[in-house]
Amino acid sequence: MAEPSALRRQLDGYRLTTAEILYRLPDHPAVLQTYVWQELDLAPEYPVLRRFLDFWTRQIEGRLHSVRVASVGIVSPAEWRHAQALASLH
């Protein structure tokens, strides 16, 4: 089955979610590096981000230090309307 479109997911409540991930460099644990992750996700559980962070802890050597999350809805069902008319100007 195909994955739903971004618009369909937004109408279902997904929001644009950005996570600032600070992690320790494997060879220099005193040094922190930043990784910015962005995806459509469901607040406040953030299942997509949680899957990504689970993958990170299993597969990536850089140990997580902290994660800051920001989320905003782009389109909501109340804002979505079908056009009643279409006009063309020359």
N, C-alpha and C. Protein backbone atom coordinates (compact mmCIF):
# COMPACT_ATOMS: atom_id res chain seq x y z
N MET A 1 0.84 -1.19 0.00
CA MET A 1 0.00 0.00 0.00
C MET A 1 0.88 1.25 0.00
N ALA A 2 0.55 2.23 -0.80
CA ALA A 2 1.34 3.45 -0.92
C ALA A 2 1.18 4.32 0.32
N GLU A 3 2.25 5.05 0.62
CA GLU A 3 2.22 5.97 1.76
C GLU A 3 1.32 7.16 1.42
N PRO A 4 0.52 7.64 2.39
CA PRO A 4 -0.35 8.79 2.11
C PRO A 4 0.47 10.04 1.74
N SER A 5 -0.14 10.90 0.93
CA SER A 5 0.55 12.13 0.53
C SER A 5 0.76 13.04 1.73
N ALA A 6 1.67 13.99 1.58
CA ALA A 6 1.95 14.94 2.65
C ALA A 6 0.69 15.73 3.02
N LEU A 7 -0.08 16.14 2.03
CA LEU A 7 -1.31 16.88 2.30
C LEU A 7 -2.30 16.02 3.08
N ARG A 8 -2.46 14.76 2.69
CA ARG A 8 -3.37 13.86 3.40
C ARG A 8 -2.94 13.68 4.86
N ARG A 9 -1.63 13.53 5.08
CA ARG A 9 -1.13 13.38 6.45
C ARG A 9 -1.37 14.64 7.26
N GLN A 10 -1.22 15.82 6.65
CA GLN A 10 -1.47 17.07 7.38
C GLN A 10 -2.94 17.19 7.74
N LEU A 11 -3.82 16.79 6.84
CA LEU A 11 -5.25 16.82 7.15
C LEU A 11 -5.60 15.82 8.25
N ASP A 12 -4.80 14.78 8.39
CA ASP A 12 -5.00 13.78 9.44
C ASP A 12 -4.36 14.19 10.77
N GLY A 13 -3.77 15.41 10.84
CA GLY A 13 -3.24 15.90 12.10
C GLY A 13 -1.73 15.94 12.21
N TYR A 14 -1.02 15.49 11.17
CA TYR A 14 0.44 15.56 11.21
C TYR A 14 0.87 17.02 11.14
N ARG A 15 1.98 17.35 11.82
CA ARG A 15 2.51 18.70 11.83
C ARG A 15 3.96 18.67 11.39
N LEU A 16 4.43 19.78 10.84
CA LEU A 16 5.84 19.89 10.51
C LEU A 16 6.61 19.93 11.82
N THR A 17 7.49 18.97 12.02
CA THR A 17 8.23 18.84 13.27
C THR A 17 9.71 18.96 12.98
N THR A 18 10.38 19.80 13.74
CA THR A 18 11.82 19.98 13.63
C THR A 18 12.46 19.61 14.95
N ALA A 19 13.51 18.81 14.89
CA ALA A 19 14.23 18.41 16.09
C ALA A 19 15.69 18.83 15.95
N GLU A 20 16.20 19.53 16.95
CA GLU A 20 17.62 19.85 17.02
C GLU A 20 18.25 18.80 17.93
N ILE A 21 19.08 17.97 17.35
CA ILE A 21 19.68 16.85 18.08
C ILE A 21 21.14 17.18 18.36
N LEU A 22 21.50 17.20 19.63
CA LEU A 22 22.90 17.37 20.02
C LEU A 22 23.44 16.00 20.37
N TYR A 23 24.59 15.66 19.82
CA TYR A 23 25.19 14.36 20.10
C TYR A 23 26.70 14.51 20.28
N ARG A 24 27.28 13.53 20.95
CA ARG A 24 28.72 13.55 21.22
C ARG A 24 29.46 12.86 20.08
N LEU A 25 30.57 13.47 19.68
CA LEU A 25 31.39 12.84 18.65
C LEU A 25 32.05 11.60 19.23
N PRO A 26 32.03 10.47 18.52
CA PRO A 26 32.57 9.23 19.06
C PRO A 26 34.06 9.33 19.44
N ASP A 27 34.85 9.99 18.62
CA ASP A 27 36.30 10.09 18.90
C ASP A 27 36.65 11.19 19.88
N HIS A 28 35.73 12.14 20.08
CA HIS A 28 35.95 13.28 20.98
C HIS A 28 34.68 13.51 21.80
N PRO A 29 34.43 12.70 22.83
CA PRO A 29 33.15 12.77 23.55
C PRO A 29 32.88 14.10 24.25
N ALA A 30 33.89 14.94 24.42
CA ALA A 30 33.67 16.24 25.04
C ALA A 30 33.11 17.25 24.04
N VAL A 31 33.13 16.91 22.75
CA VAL A 31 32.67 17.81 21.70
C VAL A 31 31.25 17.42 21.29
N LEU A 32 30.37 18.43 21.24
CA LEU A 32 28.99 18.21 20.81
C LEU A 32 28.82 18.66 19.36
N GLN A 33 28.05 17.90 18.61
CA GLN A 33 27.73 18.22 17.23
C GLN A 33 26.21 18.36 17.12
N THR A 34 25.74 19.16 16.18
CA THR A 34 24.30 19.36 15.99
C THR A 34 23.84 18.68 14.71
N TYR A 35 22.67 18.04 14.79
CA TYR A 35 22.00 17.47 13.62
C TYR A 35 20.57 17.98 13.65
N VAL A 36 20.09 18.52 12.53
CA VAL A 36 18.71 19.01 12.45
C VAL A 36 17.89 18.03 11.64
N TRP A 37 16.80 17.55 12.24
CA TRP A 37 15.90 16.58 11.62
C TRP A 37 14.56 17.25 11.41
N GLN A 38 13.92 17.04 10.26
CA GLN A 38 12.62 17.65 9.99
C GLN A 38 11.75 16.67 9.21
N GLU A 39 10.51 16.51 9.68
CA GLU A 39 9.58 15.55 9.06
C GLU A 39 8.17 15.88 9.55
N LEU A 40 7.16 15.38 8.84
CA LEU A 40 5.78 15.47 9.34
C LEU A 40 5.59 14.42 10.42
N ASP A 41 5.04 14.83 11.57
CA ASP A 41 4.88 13.91 12.69
C ASP A 41 3.65 14.30 13.50
N LEU A 42 3.19 13.39 14.34
CA LEU A 42 2.01 13.60 15.18
C LEU A 42 2.41 14.06 16.58
N ALA A 43 2.03 15.28 16.94
CA ALA A 43 2.30 15.77 18.29
C ALA A 43 1.19 15.28 19.21
N PRO A 44 1.40 15.03 20.47
CA PRO A 44 2.65 15.18 21.22
C PRO A 44 3.43 13.87 21.36
N GLU A 45 2.98 12.77 20.74
CA GLU A 45 3.69 11.50 20.89
C GLU A 45 4.94 11.41 20.00
N TYR A 46 4.91 12.05 18.83
CA TYR A 46 6.01 12.06 17.87
C TYR A 46 6.51 10.66 17.53
N PRO A 47 5.65 9.80 16.96
CA PRO A 47 6.09 8.43 16.65
C PRO A 47 7.19 8.37 15.59
N VAL A 48 7.17 9.25 14.61
CA VAL A 48 8.19 9.23 13.55
C VAL A 48 9.54 9.63 14.15
N LEU A 49 9.58 10.67 14.97
CA LEU A 49 10.82 11.10 15.62
C LEU A 49 11.32 10.01 16.56
N ARG A 50 10.43 9.39 17.30
CA ARG A 50 10.86 8.31 18.22
C ARG A 50 11.49 7.15 17.46
N ARG A 51 10.91 6.78 16.31
CA ARG A 51 11.52 5.71 15.49
C ARG A 51 12.92 6.12 15.03
N PHE A 52 13.05 7.40 14.62
CA PHE A 52 14.35 7.87 14.17
C PHE A 52 15.37 7.84 15.32
N LEU A 53 14.96 8.29 16.51
CA LEU A 53 15.88 8.29 17.65
C LEU A 53 16.22 6.86 18.10
N ASP A 54 15.27 5.93 17.99
CA ASP A 54 15.57 4.53 18.28
C ASP A 54 16.60 3.99 17.29
N PHE A 55 16.43 4.31 16.01
CA PHE A 55 17.41 3.93 14.99
C PHE A 55 18.77 4.52 15.33
N TRP A 56 18.79 5.81 15.71
CA TRP A 56 20.04 6.49 16.04
C TRP A 56 20.77 5.74 17.15
N THR A 57 20.07 5.43 18.23
CA THR A 57 20.72 4.78 19.38
C THR A 57 21.23 3.38 19.02
N ARG A 58 20.55 2.69 18.11
CA ARG A 58 20.99 1.34 17.73
C ARG A 58 22.13 1.36 16.71
N GLN A 59 22.09 2.30 15.74
CA GLN A 59 22.97 2.20 14.57
C GLN A 59 24.08 3.25 14.49
N ILE A 60 23.95 4.36 15.20
CA ILE A 60 24.93 5.46 15.04
C ILE A 60 25.77 5.55 16.30
N GLU A 61 27.07 5.75 16.11
CA GLU A 61 28.00 5.74 17.24
C GLU A 61 27.89 6.98 18.13
N GLY A 62 27.49 8.10 17.57
CA GLY A 62 27.41 9.34 18.36
C GLY A 62 26.32 9.26 19.41
N ARG A 63 26.71 9.29 20.69
CA ARG A 63 25.74 9.19 21.78
C ARG A 63 24.92 10.47 21.89
N LEU A 64 23.61 10.33 22.04
CA LEU A 64 22.72 11.49 22.13
C LEU A 64 22.97 12.26 23.42
N HIS A 65 22.99 13.58 23.29
CA HIS A 65 23.12 14.46 24.45
C HIS A 65 21.75 15.05 24.80
N SER A 66 21.10 15.65 23.80
CA SER A 66 19.79 16.26 24.03
C SER A 66 19.04 16.42 22.71
N VAL A 67 17.72 16.56 22.83
CA VAL A 67 16.87 16.75 21.65
C VAL A 67 15.87 17.85 21.98
N ARG A 68 15.83 18.89 21.14
CA ARG A 68 14.84 19.96 21.27
C ARG A 68 13.88 19.85 20.11
N VAL A 69 12.58 19.92 20.41
CA VAL A 69 11.56 19.70 19.39
C VAL A 69 10.67 20.94 19.25
N ALA A 70 10.40 21.31 18.00
CA ALA A 70 9.43 22.36 17.69
C ALA A 70 8.46 21.79 16.67
N SER A 71 7.19 22.15 16.78
CA SER A 71 6.18 21.59 15.89
C SER A 71 5.14 22.65 15.57
N VAL A 72 4.72 22.68 14.31
CA VAL A 72 3.69 23.64 13.90
C VAL A 72 2.82 23.00 12.83
N GLY A 73 1.53 23.23 12.94
CA GLY A 73 0.60 22.75 11.93
C GLY A 73 0.63 23.66 10.72
N ILE A 74 0.74 23.09 9.55
CA ILE A 74 0.78 23.90 8.33
C ILE A 74 -0.63 24.04 7.76
N VAL A 75 -1.32 22.93 7.64
CA VAL A 75 -2.68 22.92 7.10
C VAL A 75 -3.55 22.15 8.08
N SER A 76 -4.70 22.70 8.37
CA SER A 76 -5.64 21.96 9.22
C SER A 76 -6.93 21.78 8.43
N PRO A 77 -7.74 20.80 8.80
CA PRO A 77 -8.98 20.56 8.05
C PRO A 77 -9.87 21.79 7.97
N ALA A 78 -9.88 22.63 9.01
CA ALA A 78 -10.73 23.83 8.99
C ALA A 78 -10.24 24.86 7.98
N GLU A 79 -8.95 24.83 7.63
CA GLU A 79 -8.40 25.80 6.69
C GLU A 79 -8.48 25.31 5.24
N TRP A 80 -8.75 24.05 5.04
CA TRP A 80 -8.75 23.46 3.71
C TRP A 80 -10.14 23.59 3.10
N ARG A 81 -10.22 24.22 1.92
CA ARG A 81 -11.50 24.35 1.22
C ARG A 81 -11.27 24.07 -0.26
N HIS A 82 -12.27 23.56 -0.90
CA HIS A 82 -12.24 23.40 -2.33
C HIS A 82 -12.63 24.72 -2.97
N ALA A 83 -12.00 25.05 -4.07
CA ALA A 83 -12.32 26.30 -4.76
C ALA A 83 -13.73 26.24 -5.32
N GLN A 84 -14.47 27.35 -5.18
CA GLN A 84 -15.84 27.43 -5.70
C GLN A 84 -15.84 27.87 -7.15
N ALA A 85 -14.78 28.61 -7.56
CA ALA A 85 -14.73 29.11 -8.93
C ALA A 85 -13.26 29.23 -9.35
N LEU A 86 -13.04 29.24 -10.63
CA LEU A 86 -11.71 29.40 -11.17
C LEU A 86 -11.75 30.49 -12.22
N ALA A 87 -10.92 31.49 -12.07
CA ALA A 87 -10.88 32.59 -13.04
C ALA A 87 -9.49 32.67 -13.64
N SER A 88 -9.44 33.10 -14.87
CA SER A 88 -8.16 33.23 -15.57
C SER A 88 -8.05 34.65 -16.13
N LEU A 89 -6.93 35.30 -15.83
CA LEU A 89 -6.71 36.66 -16.33
C LEU A 89 -5.60 36.60 -17.40
N HIS A 90 -5.79 37.38 -18.45
CA HIS A 90 -4.79 37.42 -19.52
C HIS A 90 -3.86 38.56 -19.30
